[in-house]
Each structure stands twice: as structure tokens, then as C-alpha cells.
Amino acid sequence: MGFNTVLPPNSPSCAETQNSWGWDNNVVLPPSSRHPGGVNCLFADGSVRFISQTIDTGNLAAFQPMQGQSVYGVWGALGSRAGGESVSAGF
């Protein structure tokens, strides 16, 4: 199961349609948990951190270009591969 770093943790997920083999490509799935206030996330370096659902998500109404920095704030930077963002703040 995957998730997107667009909507903050514990937000409602949304999808355009569901076809016979699952959801189509227009899906936004934020991580969710039963922890009040956020989620525990496992990072590629093996560390686990609690991410607050109030993390900076930038401008959710902005269009995200195919390359470059994420427009979705610190939360979006955590999910981008090569945008060059600093992600040390906002946890």
C-alpha cells in the first residue's frame, strides 16, 4: 500500500472513480493511523518519526509541475525524489 504526500496525515482520501481492478490514477491517499494528531513514518534510513497532521502542506490549490520543488511544503518535500528541498524543519 502506498500513499501520497499531498494532503496531511489522517486526512480523508479521495479518488475520482473505482474500476473493476481497483482505483484509477486520480487518487490521493494520505497516510492514516489511529494515533491522535499524526502518524508514525518509517524513513529510508531506517528511522521512525512521528509526523504531525499539522505539518506544512504548502499551497494545496497549486498545480504541481512534473519536475522541481514540491509546492506542498515540508510534507511534499518528504515525498519528492530530487526537488532539492530542505526537510529538516516542520516535524
C-alpha atoms as a PDB file:
ATOM      1  CA  MET A   1       0.000   0.000   0.000  1.00  0.00           C
ATOM      2  CA  GLY A   2       1.327   3.390  -0.948  1.00  0.00           C
ATOM      3  CA  PHE A   3       0.404   6.933  -0.011  1.00  0.00           C
ATOM      4  CA  ASN A   4       0.856  10.489  -1.284  1.00  0.00           C
ATOM      5  CA  THR A   5       2.477  13.439   0.456  1.00  0.00           C
ATOM      6  CA  VAL A   6      -0.119  15.953  -0.692  1.00  0.00           C
ATOM      7  CA  LEU A   7      -2.871  16.025   1.932  1.00  0.00           C
ATOM      8  CA  PRO A   8      -1.639  15.951   5.535  1.00  0.00           C
ATOM      9  CA  PRO A   9      -1.682  12.729   7.587  1.00  0.00           C
ATOM     10  CA  ASN A  10      -5.111  11.483   8.747  1.00  0.00           C
ATOM     11  CA  SER A  11      -6.922  13.493   6.025  1.00  0.00           C
ATOM     12  CA  PRO A  12      -9.781  11.904   4.114  1.00  0.00           C
ATOM     13  CA  SER A  13      -8.602  10.092   0.987  1.00  0.00           C
ATOM     14  CA  CYS A  14     -10.203  10.841  -2.338  1.00  0.00           C
ATOM     15  CA  ALA A  15     -10.479   9.197  -5.740  1.00  0.00           C
ATOM     16  CA  GLU A  16     -12.257  10.044  -8.964  1.00  0.00           C
ATOM     17  CA  THR A  17     -13.558   6.569  -9.806  1.00  0.00           C
ATOM     18  CA  GLN A  18     -13.071   2.938  -8.925  1.00  0.00           C
ATOM     19  CA  ASN A  19     -12.834   0.431 -11.726  1.00  0.00           C
ATOM     20  CA  SER A  20     -13.115  -3.379 -11.611  1.00  0.00           C
ATOM     21  CA  TRP A  21      -9.429  -3.906 -10.688  1.00  0.00           C
ATOM     22  CA  GLY A  22      -9.061  -1.043  -8.201  1.00  0.00           C
ATOM     23  CA  TRP A  23      -8.676   2.725  -8.128  1.00  0.00           C
ATOM     24  CA  ASP A  24      -7.715   4.695 -11.214  1.00  0.00           C
ATOM     25  CA  ASN A  25      -4.702   7.024 -11.367  1.00  0.00           C
ATOM     26  CA  ASN A  26      -6.570  10.058  -9.963  1.00  0.00           C
ATOM     27  CA  VAL A  27      -6.168   9.061  -6.328  1.00  0.00           C
ATOM     28  CA  VAL A  28      -4.900  10.977  -3.301  1.00  0.00           C
ATOM     29  CA  LEU A  29      -4.153   8.652  -0.386  1.00  0.00           C
ATOM     30  CA  PRO A  30      -2.652  10.335   2.677  1.00  0.00           C
ATOM     31  CA  PRO A  31      -1.226   8.071   5.391  1.00  0.00           C
ATOM     32  CA  SER A  32      -3.553   7.427   8.291  1.00  0.00           C
ATOM     33  CA  SER A  33      -3.340   5.884  11.725  1.00  0.00           C
ATOM     34  CA  ARG A  34      -5.225   5.665  14.968  1.00  0.00           C
ATOM     35  CA  HIS A  35      -2.619   7.853  16.669  1.00  0.00           C
ATOM     36  CA  PRO A  36      -4.242  11.152  17.603  1.00  0.00           C
ATOM     37  CA  GLY A  37      -2.604  14.087  15.862  1.00  0.00           C
ATOM     38  CA  GLY A  38      -0.472  12.331  13.243  1.00  0.00           C
ATOM     39  CA  VAL A  39       1.237   9.186  12.005  1.00  0.00           C
ATOM     40  CA  ASN A  40       4.455   7.256  12.592  1.00  0.00           C
ATOM     41  CA  CYS A  41       6.530   7.145   9.384  1.00  0.00           C
ATOM     42  CA  LEU A  42       9.386   4.814   8.531  1.00  0.00           C
ATOM     43  CA  PHE A  43      12.100   6.570   6.527  1.00  0.00           C
ATOM     44  CA  ALA A  44      14.509   5.016   4.027  1.00  0.00           C
ATOM     45  CA  ASP A  45      17.389   5.370   6.513  1.00  0.00           C
ATOM     46  CA  GLY A  46      15.527   3.084   8.949  1.00  0.00           C
ATOM     47  CA  SER A  47      14.462   5.833  11.354  1.00  0.00           C
ATOM     48  CA  VAL A  48      10.877   6.203  12.545  1.00  0.00           C
ATOM     49  CA  ARG A  49       9.401   9.633  13.246  1.00  0.00           C
ATOM     50  CA  PHE A  50       6.020  10.900  14.304  1.00  0.00           C
ATOM     51  CA  ILE A  51       4.658  13.289  11.660  1.00  0.00           C
ATOM     52  CA  SER A  52       2.027  15.724  12.910  1.00  0.00           C
ATOM     53  CA  GLN A  53      -1.140  16.180  10.886  1.00  0.00           C
ATOM     54  CA  THR A  54      -0.489  19.930  11.141  1.00  0.00           C
ATOM     55  CA  ILE A  55       2.762  19.641   9.106  1.00  0.00           C
ATOM     56  CA  ASP A  56       3.264  22.392   6.494  1.00  0.00           C
ATOM     57  CA  THR A  57       1.498  21.274   3.284  1.00  0.00           C
ATOM     58  CA  GLY A  58       2.145  24.450   1.298  1.00  0.00           C
ATOM     59  CA  ASN A  59      -0.475  25.548  -1.210  1.00  0.00           C
ATOM     60  CA  LEU A  60      -2.889  22.635  -1.766  1.00  0.00           C
ATOM     61  CA  ALA A  61      -4.584  24.567  -4.602  1.00  0.00           C
ATOM     62  CA  ALA A  62      -1.357  24.943  -6.614  1.00  0.00           C
ATOM     63  CA  PHE A  63      -0.526  22.824  -9.658  1.00  0.00           C
ATOM     64  CA  GLN A  64       2.481  20.550  -9.073  1.00  0.00           C
ATOM     65  CA  PRO A  65       4.894  20.611 -12.051  1.00  0.00           C
ATOM     66  CA  MET A  66       6.473  17.339 -13.210  1.00  0.00           C
ATOM     67  CA  GLN A  67       9.943  18.455 -12.030  1.00  0.00           C
ATOM     68  CA  GLY A  68      11.336  20.763  -9.383  1.00  0.00           C
ATOM     69  CA  GLN A  69      10.487  21.507  -5.801  1.00  0.00           C
ATOM     70  CA  SER A  70       7.194  20.393  -4.344  1.00  0.00           C
ATOM     71  CA  VAL A  71       4.519  23.051  -3.931  1.00  0.00           C
ATOM     72  CA  TYR A  72       3.147  21.049  -0.983  1.00  0.00           C
ATOM     73  CA  GLY A  73       5.503  22.434   1.669  1.00  0.00           C
ATOM     74  CA  VAL A  74       7.606  20.316   4.006  1.00  0.00           C
ATOM     75  CA  TRP A  75       5.171  17.398   3.676  1.00  0.00           C
ATOM     76  CA  GLY A  76       5.530  17.399  -0.103  1.00  0.00           C
ATOM     77  CA  ALA A  77       9.317  17.657   0.182  1.00  0.00           C
ATOM     78  CA  LEU A  78       9.365  14.439   2.200  1.00  0.00           C
ATOM     79  CA  GLY A  79       7.750  12.624  -0.707  1.00  0.00           C
ATOM     80  CA  SER A  80       9.784  14.075  -3.577  1.00  0.00           C
ATOM     81  CA  ARG A  81      12.837  12.429  -5.010  1.00  0.00           C
ATOM     82  CA  ALA A  82      15.072  15.160  -6.383  1.00  0.00           C
ATOM     83  CA  GLY A  83      13.453  18.520  -5.761  1.00  0.00           C
ATOM     84  CA  GLY A  84      16.319  19.784  -3.630  1.00  0.00           C
ATOM     85  CA  GLU A  85      14.107  20.856  -0.730  1.00  0.00           C
ATOM     86  CA  SER A  86      15.284  21.140   2.834  1.00  0.00           C
ATOM     87  CA  VAL A  87      13.172  18.855   5.018  1.00  0.00           C
ATOM     88  CA  SER A  88      14.839  19.404   8.388  1.00  0.00           C
ATOM     89  CA  ALA A  89      12.070  21.696   9.676  1.00  0.00           C
ATOM     90  CA  GLY A  90       8.397  21.021  10.200  1.00  0.00           C
ATOM     91  CA  PHE A  91       8.335  17.709  12.036  1.00  0.00           C
END
